[in-house]
Protein backbone atom coordinates (compact mmCIF):
# COMPACT_ATOMS: atom_id res chain seq x y z
CA MET A 1 0.00 0.00 0.00
CA SER A 2 1.31 3.43 -0.89
CA ASP A 3 2.33 5.98 1.72
CA TRP A 4 1.15 8.79 -0.57
CA TYR A 5 -2.30 10.29 -0.52
CA TYR A 6 -3.90 12.70 -2.93
CA LEU A 7 -6.52 14.58 -1.00
CA GLU A 8 -8.56 17.54 -2.04
CA SER A 9 -9.21 18.74 1.47
CA ASP A 10 -11.53 21.60 2.28
CA PRO A 11 -9.56 24.38 4.01
CA LYS A 12 -12.74 25.71 5.64
CA HIS A 13 -13.55 22.29 7.14
CA ILE A 14 -10.00 21.90 8.45
CA ALA A 15 -9.98 25.39 10.00
CA LYS A 16 -13.37 24.79 11.66
CA GLU A 17 -12.30 21.40 13.04
CA ARG A 18 -9.03 22.80 14.42
CA ILE A 19 -11.03 25.34 16.42
CA ARG A 20 -13.34 22.57 17.67
CA ALA A 21 -10.32 20.45 18.63
CA GLN A 22 -8.87 23.31 20.69
CA LYS A 23 -12.18 23.69 22.53
CA LEU A 24 -12.36 19.93 23.08
CA LYS A 25 -8.84 19.95 24.57
CA GLY A 26 -10.12 22.28 27.28
CA SER A 27 -13.04 20.03 28.20
CA GLN A 28 -13.30 17.89 31.30
CA TRP A 29 -13.95 14.87 29.06
CA TRP A 30 -10.56 15.26 27.37
CA ARG A 31 -8.72 15.93 30.67
CA THR A 32 -10.19 12.69 32.04
CA LYS A 33 -8.96 10.80 28.96
CA LEU A 34 -5.46 12.26 29.35
CA ASN A 35 -5.33 11.53 33.08
CA GLN A 36 -6.00 7.85 32.37
CA GLY A 37 -2.62 7.91 30.60
CA VAL A 38 -3.34 5.10 28.11
CA CYS A 39 -2.63 5.21 24.38
CA HIS A 40 -5.69 4.14 22.38
CA TYR A 41 -3.58 2.26 19.82
CA CYS A 42 -0.79 0.47 21.70
CA ALA A 43 -2.47 0.47 25.16
CA ASN A 44 0.81 1.51 26.79
CA LYS A 45 0.58 3.52 29.98
CA VAL A 46 2.33 6.88 29.51
CA LEU A 47 2.39 10.26 31.19
CA PRO A 48 -0.55 12.49 30.25
CA THR A 49 1.93 15.02 28.84
CA GLN A 50 3.11 12.40 26.34
CA LEU A 51 -0.36 11.87 24.87
CA THR A 52 -1.66 13.72 21.84
CA MET A 53 -5.14 14.16 20.41
CA ASP A 54 -5.67 11.87 17.44
CA HIS A 55 -8.64 11.88 15.09
CA ILE A 56 -9.61 8.30 14.23
CA VAL A 57 -10.87 9.55 10.87
CA PRO A 58 -8.40 12.34 10.09
CA VAL A 59 -9.75 15.84 9.61
CA ALA A 60 -8.07 15.94 6.20
CA ARG A 61 -10.25 12.97 5.22
CA GLY A 62 -13.48 14.53 6.49
CA GLY A 63 -13.26 13.59 10.18
CA LYS A 64 -14.73 15.73 12.92
CA SER A 65 -13.36 16.99 16.22
CA GLN A 66 -15.88 15.33 18.50
CA PRO A 67 -15.60 12.72 21.26
CA GLY A 68 -16.61 9.80 19.02
CA ASN A 69 -13.72 10.52 16.64
CA VAL A 70 -10.98 11.70 19.03
CA VAL A 71 -8.72 9.50 21.13
CA PRO A 72 -5.52 9.96 23.14
CA ALA A 73 -2.47 8.51 21.40
CA CYS A 74 1.20 8.41 22.28
CA LYS A 75 3.38 10.44 19.95
CA PRO A 76 4.93 7.42 18.15
CA CYS A 77 1.50 5.86 17.43
CA ASN A 78 0.03 9.17 16.28
CA ALA A 79 3.00 9.80 13.97
CA SER A 80 2.90 6.31 12.47
CA LYS A 81 -0.86 6.46 11.82
CA LYS A 82 -0.55 9.48 9.50
CA LEU A 83 -3.78 9.86 7.48
CA ASP A 84 -4.90 6.26 7.87
CA THR A 85 -8.36 5.24 9.06
CA PRO A 86 -9.03 2.04 11.03
CA VAL A 87 -9.95 0.28 7.77
CA ASP A 88 -6.66 1.36 6.17
CA LEU A 89 -4.76 -0.03 9.16
CA LEU A 90 -6.56 -3.37 8.90
CA LEU A 91 -5.73 -3.67 5.21
CA LYS A 92 -2.01 -3.10 5.64
């Protein structure tokens, strides 16, 4: 499978979702997720400061910044996921 994607992303959608993500980062729901200290993908226990917000369906592929699409991920898992969706990961 290729590591290259050709996406015609909507800049307005991306800008709107980035604002929503920032608001979500300030929510009690997100702080609770971070304080659990568990990466969604590798299930390793890490410090909350080492977790990042990951969109299961990336914003560039139409994903939204809402609790059903956002999970805490360690930096290595988030970086290796790139623009993949769960289906893409299963097919690799």
